[in-house]
Each structure stands twice: as structure tokens, then as C-alpha cells.
Amino acid sequence: MTKEDKKPEGIGGWLLIPTFAFTITAMVFIYLSIWFVADLVNNEYEEIAFLVFLILSFLACFYVYTLILEFKKKKNFPKCAIALLWVSYVSILLIELAVDGIVTNYFSGVIGSALWTWYFIKSKRVKNTFIN
């Protein structure tokens, strides 16, 4: 097999970056969900804390589900990852708006989500890896 015949596949290369980020983010959201449950008991803003808990719990489950799809190399992983990027971005904006009453850092999330969306659509590694 020549070097020209070898196609990039598997979880490697640039794909390691979102894999690592999804894993860390899932763990952080699980931790924050637990923290917000504890905070609900002592919080005078129960409605906001409960809303944040629901959003973080949903996102934690979504991240774990997406990682399962990735490690099983399922065909629908790229679409799920793209959806996760954008749902996560919008959810974080909603949390920031609910907690602080203002959204301050929206531009970097758009750039990151757009770049990784482009990667998941165009990458040969992604096309060659997620075929099950």
C-alpha cells in the first residue's frame, strides 16, 4: 500500500480536538448539574437555578450520547456533533441571559461552532471514519 492509497480514518488528527473537548465538556456539565441541584436547596432564585439545572443536564446527556456515537463510529455522529455545537452555543447564551441578564460573549462561540461545522462537513477523515 502506497502513501497515496492510505485514506485518513479513525479518531485521530484534527478530530482529536472535538473529541477531547466533548469529553471534558460532558464531565464539566455533569459536575455543574450536580452543583446546581445542591444550589437549589439554598437558592432564593429557584426558578432560574432549576432552569439552569435542566439545560445543563440536557447538555450533559447530549454530549455523552454524541461521544457514544463517535466511539461506535456511527454514521449520524457528524450531524449529531454539529447539532450539539449549535444547541450548546444557544443554551449557554440562554443560561448567561437568565443568570446575568445580558449576553456578553457570543462572537467566539459563533466562530468556533462555524469552523467545527465546516470541519465535520468537509473532512475526509470524518467521511472515512463514521460509516456504521
Protein backbone atom coordinates (compact mmCIF):
# COMPACT_ATOMS: atom_id res chain seq x y z
CA MET A 1 0.00 0.00 0.00
CA THR A 2 1.44 3.33 -1.02
CA LYS A 3 1.09 6.53 0.87
CA GLU A 4 -1.34 7.78 -1.79
CA ASP A 5 -3.69 4.82 -1.19
CA LYS A 6 -3.93 5.42 2.53
CA LYS A 7 -7.03 7.38 3.44
CA PRO A 8 -7.27 9.21 6.76
CA GLU A 9 -9.64 7.38 9.07
CA GLY A 10 -10.17 6.73 12.73
CA ILE A 11 -10.33 9.11 15.64
CA GLY A 12 -7.10 10.99 15.13
CA GLY A 13 -5.73 14.15 13.58
CA TRP A 14 -7.91 17.23 13.98
CA LEU A 15 -10.78 15.01 15.14
CA LEU A 16 -8.98 14.58 18.47
CA ILE A 17 -9.69 18.22 19.35
CA PRO A 18 -13.51 17.99 19.37
CA THR A 19 -13.29 14.52 20.94
CA PHE A 20 -11.25 15.88 23.83
CA ALA A 21 -13.45 18.99 24.09
CA PHE A 22 -16.68 16.96 24.07
CA THR A 23 -15.32 14.66 26.79
CA ILE A 24 -14.18 17.48 29.07
CA THR A 25 -17.38 19.46 28.48
CA ALA A 26 -19.56 16.43 29.30
CA MET A 27 -17.72 15.99 32.60
CA VAL A 28 -17.99 19.71 33.42
CA PHE A 29 -21.73 19.78 32.65
CA ILE A 30 -22.32 16.68 34.79
CA TYR A 31 -20.45 18.35 37.65
CA LEU A 32 -22.34 21.63 37.20
CA SER A 33 -25.68 19.81 37.08
CA ILE A 34 -24.90 18.22 40.44
CA TRP A 35 -23.75 21.57 41.80
CA PHE A 36 -26.96 23.28 40.68
CA VAL A 37 -29.08 20.60 42.36
CA ALA A 38 -27.26 21.34 45.62
CA ASP A 39 -27.67 25.05 44.97
CA LEU A 40 -31.44 24.70 44.50
CA VAL A 41 -31.84 23.97 48.20
CA ASN A 42 -30.22 27.23 49.32
CA ASN A 43 -31.15 29.49 46.42
CA GLU A 44 -33.69 32.29 46.53
CA TYR A 45 -33.79 32.21 42.71
CA GLU A 46 -35.19 28.70 42.49
CA GLU A 47 -36.76 29.12 39.04
CA ILE A 48 -33.54 30.29 37.40
CA ALA A 49 -31.45 27.66 39.17
CA PHE A 50 -33.89 24.94 38.12
CA LEU A 51 -33.85 26.17 34.51
CA VAL A 52 -30.04 26.16 34.52
CA PHE A 53 -30.05 22.67 36.03
CA LEU A 54 -32.39 21.40 33.28
CA ILE A 55 -30.31 22.93 30.49
CA LEU A 56 -27.01 21.64 31.91
CA SER A 57 -28.45 18.16 32.47
CA PHE A 58 -29.79 18.04 28.92
CA LEU A 59 -26.46 19.19 27.52
CA ALA A 60 -24.53 16.66 29.62
CA CYS A 61 -26.72 13.85 28.25
CA PHE A 62 -26.39 15.20 24.71
CA TYR A 63 -22.58 15.28 25.00
CA VAL A 64 -22.44 11.73 26.38
CA TYR A 65 -24.77 10.49 23.61
CA THR A 66 -22.65 12.20 20.95
CA LEU A 67 -19.46 10.65 22.36
CA ILE A 68 -21.08 7.21 22.30
CA LEU A 69 -21.94 7.73 18.63
CA GLU A 70 -18.38 8.84 17.95
CA PHE A 71 -16.67 5.90 19.63
CA LYS A 72 -19.05 3.45 17.92
CA LYS A 73 -18.22 5.25 14.64
CA LYS A 74 -21.88 5.73 13.77
CA LYS A 75 -22.80 7.40 10.51
CA ASN A 76 -25.01 10.01 12.19
CA PHE A 77 -22.22 11.23 14.50
CA PRO A 78 -21.20 14.23 12.32
CA LYS A 79 -24.77 15.55 12.14
CA CYS A 80 -25.24 15.00 15.86
CA ALA A 81 -21.93 16.75 16.62
CA ILE A 82 -22.93 19.74 14.51
CA ALA A 83 -26.31 19.92 16.24
CA LEU A 84 -24.55 19.64 19.61
CA LEU A 85 -22.23 22.53 18.80
CA TRP A 86 -25.09 24.87 17.96
CA VAL A 87 -27.53 23.70 20.64
CA SER A 88 -24.77 24.03 23.22
CA TYR A 89 -23.90 27.52 21.97
CA VAL A 90 -27.51 28.74 22.14
CA SER A 91 -28.06 27.06 25.52
CA ILE A 92 -25.03 28.75 27.05
CA LEU A 93 -26.31 32.10 25.75
CA LEU A 94 -29.70 31.40 27.37
CA ILE A 95 -28.05 30.50 30.67
CA GLU A 96 -25.96 33.66 30.58
CA LEU A 97 -29.05 35.71 29.81
CA ALA A 98 -31.08 34.05 32.61
CA VAL A 99 -28.34 34.38 35.21
CA ASP A 100 -26.73 37.72 34.33
CA GLY A 101 -29.48 39.39 32.31
CA ILE A 102 -27.03 40.15 29.50
CA VAL A 103 -25.13 38.22 26.85
CA THR A 104 -21.51 39.32 26.63
CA ASN A 105 -19.51 36.70 24.74
CA TYR A 106 -21.42 35.49 21.71
CA PHE A 107 -18.97 36.11 18.87
CA SER A 108 -16.32 33.49 19.75
CA GLY A 109 -18.98 30.79 20.06
CA VAL A 110 -20.26 31.50 16.57
CA ILE A 111 -16.75 31.33 15.11
CA GLY A 112 -15.89 28.08 16.88
CA SER A 113 -19.19 26.43 16.01
CA ALA A 114 -18.95 27.54 12.39
CA LEU A 115 -15.37 26.28 11.99
CA TRP A 116 -16.12 22.88 13.50
CA THR A 117 -19.33 22.60 11.48
CA TRP A 118 -17.27 23.16 8.35
CA TYR A 119 -14.74 20.54 9.52
CA PHE A 120 -17.40 17.89 10.17
CA ILE A 121 -18.92 18.52 6.73
CA LYS A 122 -15.70 18.68 4.66
CA SER A 123 -13.24 16.38 6.47
CA LYS A 124 -12.13 13.24 4.62
CA ARG A 125 -11.26 11.64 7.97
CA VAL A 126 -14.83 12.19 9.21
CA LYS A 127 -16.27 10.76 5.99
CA ASN A 128 -13.98 7.71 6.13
CA THR A 129 -14.41 7.03 9.85
CA PHE A 130 -18.14 7.29 10.52
CA ILE A 131 -19.62 4.63 8.25
CA ASN A 132 -21.51 2.26 10.60
